[in-house]
Amino acid sequence: MVLCPLALLLALGATALAEPLRFVDCGSKDGSIQEVNVSPCPTQPCLLHKGTSYSINVTFASKIESQGSKAKVYGEMLHVDIPFPIPEPDGCKSGIQCPIQKGHSYSYLNKLPVKSEYPSIKLVVKWELVDDQDQMLFCWKIPVQITS
């Protein structure tokens, strides 16, 4: 019986110790990013292991009204954006209650799968969420290293 509360306490403690990532805002226009978390990513650059999926959580405040939102993810190498497929690009199916309201905060939740066939390389992940007018709700970048 003592083991369950102890396990819960340890899990909560580990969550409390999680630090938000340092990120670069790359053009958030219709929203403002409050926090970006990639899990697990204890240090930067994030080491992304092939065959693993990573949890993405972005807390942001919307400056506009929008019926929907869509995510676009890229691997940026030598200043070239290479599209990076994600399982669910629809922001309204990724933790955001749509329609999006001006002045409200949202937690966007998604997965970043790293396929086994990806090359082992250092690059920058660029993650955008656009509104129904294709304007940027948020855009952030973090350095990563894909590894075996």
Protein backbone atom coordinates (compact mmCIF):
# COMPACT_ATOMS: atom_id res chain seq x y z
CA MET A 1 0.00 0.00 0.00
CA VAL A 2 2.90 2.38 0.78
CA LEU A 3 4.45 1.61 -2.61
CA CYS A 4 1.64 3.21 -4.68
CA PRO A 5 1.73 6.67 -3.03
CA LEU A 6 5.53 6.56 -3.12
CA ALA A 7 5.53 5.76 -6.84
CA LEU A 8 3.06 8.58 -7.44
CA LEU A 9 5.19 11.00 -5.42
CA LEU A 10 8.32 10.03 -7.38
CA ALA A 11 6.48 10.45 -10.71
CA LEU A 12 5.21 13.88 -9.67
CA GLY A 13 8.70 14.86 -8.53
CA ALA A 14 10.18 13.85 -11.89
CA THR A 15 7.52 15.91 -13.69
CA ALA A 16 8.23 18.92 -11.48
CA LEU A 17 11.93 18.68 -12.32
CA ALA A 18 11.26 18.71 -16.08
CA GLU A 19 12.61 21.93 -17.53
CA PRO A 20 10.98 23.71 -20.46
CA LEU A 21 13.14 23.70 -23.57
CA ARG A 22 15.10 26.66 -24.79
CA PHE A 23 13.63 27.37 -28.21
CA VAL A 24 13.83 30.02 -30.89
CA ASP A 25 10.56 31.69 -31.87
CA CYS A 26 10.59 31.70 -35.67
CA GLY A 27 7.65 33.93 -36.47
CA SER A 28 4.70 33.38 -34.10
CA LYS A 29 2.29 36.06 -35.31
CA ASP A 30 -1.24 35.12 -34.26
CA GLY A 31 -0.18 33.56 -30.95
CA SER A 32 2.52 33.74 -28.31
CA ILE A 33 4.39 30.70 -27.04
CA GLN A 34 4.53 30.33 -23.28
CA GLU A 35 6.36 26.99 -23.06
CA VAL A 36 7.71 24.16 -25.24
CA ASN A 37 8.34 20.66 -23.88
CA VAL A 38 9.74 17.65 -25.73
CA SER A 39 9.77 14.43 -23.75
CA PRO A 40 12.12 12.81 -23.20
CA CYS A 41 14.73 15.49 -23.87
CA PRO A 42 16.77 16.09 -20.71
CA THR A 43 19.50 18.10 -22.48
CA GLN A 44 19.93 20.11 -25.66
CA PRO A 45 20.43 19.40 -28.42
CA CYS A 46 17.71 16.76 -27.99
CA LEU A 47 18.99 13.30 -28.81
CA LEU A 48 16.29 11.70 -30.92
CA HIS A 49 16.72 7.93 -31.08
CA LYS A 50 15.61 6.15 -34.25
CA GLY A 51 12.51 4.01 -33.80
CA THR A 52 11.28 6.18 -30.90
CA SER A 53 8.39 8.63 -30.65
CA TYR A 54 8.67 11.86 -28.64
CA SER A 55 5.89 13.81 -26.94
CA ILE A 56 5.48 17.46 -27.88
CA ASN A 57 3.61 19.89 -25.63
CA VAL A 58 3.37 23.57 -26.53
CA THR A 59 1.49 26.03 -24.34
CA PHE A 60 0.50 29.15 -26.24
CA ALA A 61 -1.98 32.02 -26.12
CA SER A 62 -3.99 32.90 -29.21
CA LYS A 63 -4.21 36.51 -30.41
CA ILE A 64 -6.95 35.68 -32.94
CA GLU A 65 -10.13 33.65 -33.51
CA SER A 66 -9.77 30.63 -35.80
CA GLN A 67 -12.02 27.74 -36.78
CA GLY A 68 -9.08 25.37 -37.02
CA SER A 69 -5.32 24.88 -37.09
CA LYS A 70 -2.78 22.74 -38.89
CA ALA A 71 0.74 21.72 -37.92
CA LYS A 72 3.67 21.77 -40.31
CA VAL A 73 6.97 20.23 -39.21
CA TYR A 74 10.33 20.49 -40.93
CA GLY A 75 13.88 19.32 -40.54
CA GLU A 76 16.01 22.36 -41.31
CA MET A 77 19.41 21.62 -42.82
CA LEU A 78 21.66 24.27 -44.38
CA HIS A 79 18.73 26.74 -44.20
CA VAL A 80 16.51 24.41 -46.26
CA ASP A 81 13.19 23.20 -44.78
CA ILE A 82 12.54 19.52 -45.47
CA PRO A 83 8.94 18.48 -44.62
CA PHE A 84 8.76 16.02 -41.74
CA PRO A 85 5.53 13.97 -41.57
CA ILE A 86 3.69 13.73 -38.25
CA PRO A 87 0.82 11.37 -37.45
CA GLU A 88 -1.77 14.09 -36.75
CA PRO A 89 -1.38 17.50 -38.43
CA ASP A 90 -4.86 18.72 -37.33
CA GLY A 91 -4.37 20.93 -34.26
CA CYS A 92 -8.04 20.48 -33.30
CA LYS A 93 -7.30 16.76 -32.81
CA SER A 94 -4.11 17.54 -30.87
CA GLY A 95 -5.33 18.94 -27.56
CA ILE A 96 -6.72 22.24 -28.88
CA GLN A 97 -10.45 22.82 -28.42
CA CYS A 98 -11.69 24.46 -31.61
CA PRO A 99 -12.82 27.02 -32.53
CA ILE A 100 -9.78 28.82 -31.17
CA GLN A 101 -10.69 31.89 -29.11
CA LYS A 102 -8.76 35.14 -28.92
CA GLY A 103 -7.02 35.62 -25.56
CA HIS A 104 -7.28 31.97 -24.50
CA SER A 105 -4.34 29.70 -23.67
CA TYR A 106 -4.05 26.24 -25.21
CA SER A 107 -1.93 23.15 -24.76
CA TYR A 108 -1.03 21.66 -28.12
CA LEU A 109 -0.06 17.97 -27.79
CA ASN A 110 1.46 15.81 -30.50
CA LYS A 111 4.00 13.09 -31.24
CA LEU A 112 7.27 13.32 -33.14
CA PRO A 113 8.09 9.85 -34.52
CA VAL A 114 11.72 9.25 -35.49
CA LYS A 115 11.79 6.52 -38.12
CA SER A 116 14.53 3.90 -38.17
CA GLU A 117 15.42 4.79 -41.77
CA TYR A 118 16.23 8.42 -40.93
CA PRO A 119 19.94 9.26 -41.23
CA SER A 120 22.02 9.94 -38.13
CA ILE A 121 22.43 13.70 -38.43
CA LYS A 122 22.34 17.01 -36.55
CA LEU A 123 19.58 19.37 -37.67
CA VAL A 124 17.01 21.86 -36.43
CA VAL A 125 13.38 20.86 -35.93
CA LYS A 126 11.02 23.64 -36.97
CA TRP A 127 7.39 23.26 -35.80
CA GLU A 128 4.65 25.56 -37.05
CA LEU A 129 0.96 25.73 -36.22
CA VAL A 130 -1.07 27.81 -38.67
CA ASP A 131 -4.61 29.11 -38.27
CA ASP A 132 -7.47 28.83 -40.77
CA GLN A 133 -6.04 31.81 -42.72
CA ASP A 134 -2.63 30.07 -42.98
CA GLN A 135 -1.14 32.62 -40.55
CA MET A 136 1.34 31.52 -37.88
CA LEU A 137 -0.21 30.77 -34.47
CA PHE A 138 3.23 29.63 -33.37
CA CYS A 139 6.59 28.67 -34.78
CA TRP A 140 9.52 27.32 -32.79
CA LYS A 141 12.89 25.74 -33.51
CA ILE A 142 15.15 23.50 -31.46
CA PRO A 143 18.45 21.78 -32.31
CA VAL A 144 18.34 17.96 -32.39
CA GLN A 145 20.60 15.07 -33.17
CA ILE A 146 19.13 11.92 -34.67
CA THR A 147 21.01 8.90 -33.39
CA SER A 148 20.79 5.09 -33.42
